């Protein structure tokens, strides 16, 4: 993760869900601490927004993959159940 924009940030598209979530948590902690200059805070907020979108997309993809797994060997649906995020 970049420290207030001083180091190049890793391309979000290459991050795993876990890495993106960890970086997002670090950004939230920095912003909540209130010790980040305004320009850096804006940059961090923009990255956090992109990280959140990446995590949302990865979760949606995982949910779709789980639904495909729920098909029997012939590809016939076994039924569906509501997605339980808990």
Protein backbone atom coordinates (compact mmCIF):
# COMPACT_ATOMS: atom_id res chain seq x y z
CA UNK A 1 0.00 0.00 0.00
CA UNK A 2 1.27 3.47 -0.73
CA UNK A 3 1.88 5.73 2.22
CA UNK A 4 -0.09 8.89 1.51
CA UNK A 5 0.81 8.64 -2.16
CA UNK A 6 4.61 8.64 -1.69
CA UNK A 7 5.14 5.20 -3.28
CA UNK A 8 3.46 3.86 -6.40
CA UNK A 9 0.31 1.95 -5.54
CA UNK A 10 -0.21 -1.57 -6.85
CA UNK A 11 -2.76 -1.82 -9.64
CA UNK A 12 -6.05 -2.64 -7.95
CA UNK A 13 -7.02 -5.10 -10.68
CA UNK A 14 -4.11 -7.36 -9.71
CA UNK A 15 -4.99 -7.49 -6.00
CA UNK A 16 -6.65 -10.48 -4.41
CA UNK A 17 -9.84 -9.84 -2.46
CA UNK A 18 -7.94 -10.26 0.80
CA UNK A 19 -5.13 -7.88 -0.17
CA UNK A 20 -7.60 -5.24 -1.36
CA UNK A 21 -9.63 -5.56 1.83
CA UNK A 22 -6.49 -5.26 3.97
CA UNK A 23 -5.38 -2.13 2.10
CA UNK A 24 -8.87 -0.67 2.37
CA UNK A 25 -8.80 -1.22 6.14
CA UNK A 26 -5.43 0.53 6.37
CA UNK A 27 -6.76 3.52 4.47
CA UNK A 28 -9.82 3.73 6.71
CA UNK A 29 -7.60 3.68 9.81
CA UNK A 30 -5.42 6.48 8.41
CA UNK A 31 -8.41 8.63 7.50
CA UNK A 32 -10.14 8.02 10.84
CA UNK A 33 -6.97 9.04 12.69
CA UNK A 34 -7.23 12.44 11.04
CA UNK A 35 -3.45 12.78 10.68
CA UNK A 36 -3.39 12.86 6.86
CA UNK A 37 -3.00 16.17 4.97
CA UNK A 38 -6.04 17.14 2.91
CA UNK A 39 -4.58 16.40 -0.52
CA UNK A 40 -3.35 13.00 0.63
CA UNK A 41 -6.71 12.30 2.26
CA UNK A 42 -8.47 12.97 -1.04
CA UNK A 43 -6.07 10.64 -2.87
CA UNK A 44 -6.56 7.95 -0.22
CA UNK A 45 -10.34 8.35 -0.39
CA UNK A 46 -10.26 7.91 -4.18
CA UNK A 47 -8.17 4.74 -3.83
CA UNK A 48 -10.48 3.46 -1.09
CA UNK A 49 -13.47 3.95 -3.38
CA UNK A 50 -11.73 1.97 -6.13
CA UNK A 51 -10.72 -0.76 -3.66
CA UNK A 52 -14.32 -1.06 -2.43
CA UNK A 53 -15.57 -1.41 -6.00
CA UNK A 54 -12.92 -4.09 -6.64
CA UNK A 55 -13.97 -6.02 -3.51
CA UNK A 56 -17.64 -5.74 -4.47
CA UNK A 57 -16.88 -7.10 -7.94
CA UNK A 58 -14.82 -9.99 -6.55
CA UNK A 59 -17.66 -10.91 -4.15
CA UNK A 60 -20.23 -10.77 -6.94
CA UNK A 61 -18.02 -13.00 -9.07
CA UNK A 62 -17.60 -15.47 -6.20
CA UNK A 63 -21.37 -15.58 -5.69
CA UNK A 64 -21.91 -16.34 -9.39
CA UNK A 65 -19.28 -19.09 -9.27
CA UNK A 66 -21.01 -20.66 -6.27
CA UNK A 67 -24.32 -20.66 -8.14
CA UNK A 68 -22.67 -22.49 -11.05
CA UNK A 69 -21.29 -25.10 -8.66
CA UNK A 70 -24.84 -25.82 -7.52
CA UNK A 71 -25.60 -27.53 -10.84
CA UNK A 72 -25.61 -31.31 -11.04
CA UNK A 73 -23.22 -33.25 -13.32
CA UNK A 74 -25.58 -32.88 -16.30
CA UNK A 75 -25.83 -29.14 -15.73
CA UNK A 76 -29.38 -29.25 -14.41
CA UNK A 77 -30.09 -26.87 -11.56
CA UNK A 78 -30.24 -28.41 -8.12
CA UNK A 79 -32.18 -25.44 -6.87
CA UNK A 80 -31.15 -22.16 -5.41
CA UNK A 81 -31.03 -20.73 -1.96
CA UNK A 82 -30.67 -17.12 -0.91
CA UNK A 83 -27.08 -15.96 -0.65
CA UNK A 84 -26.18 -15.88 3.05
CA UNK A 85 -23.48 -13.25 3.64
CA UNK A 86 -23.22 -14.09 7.33
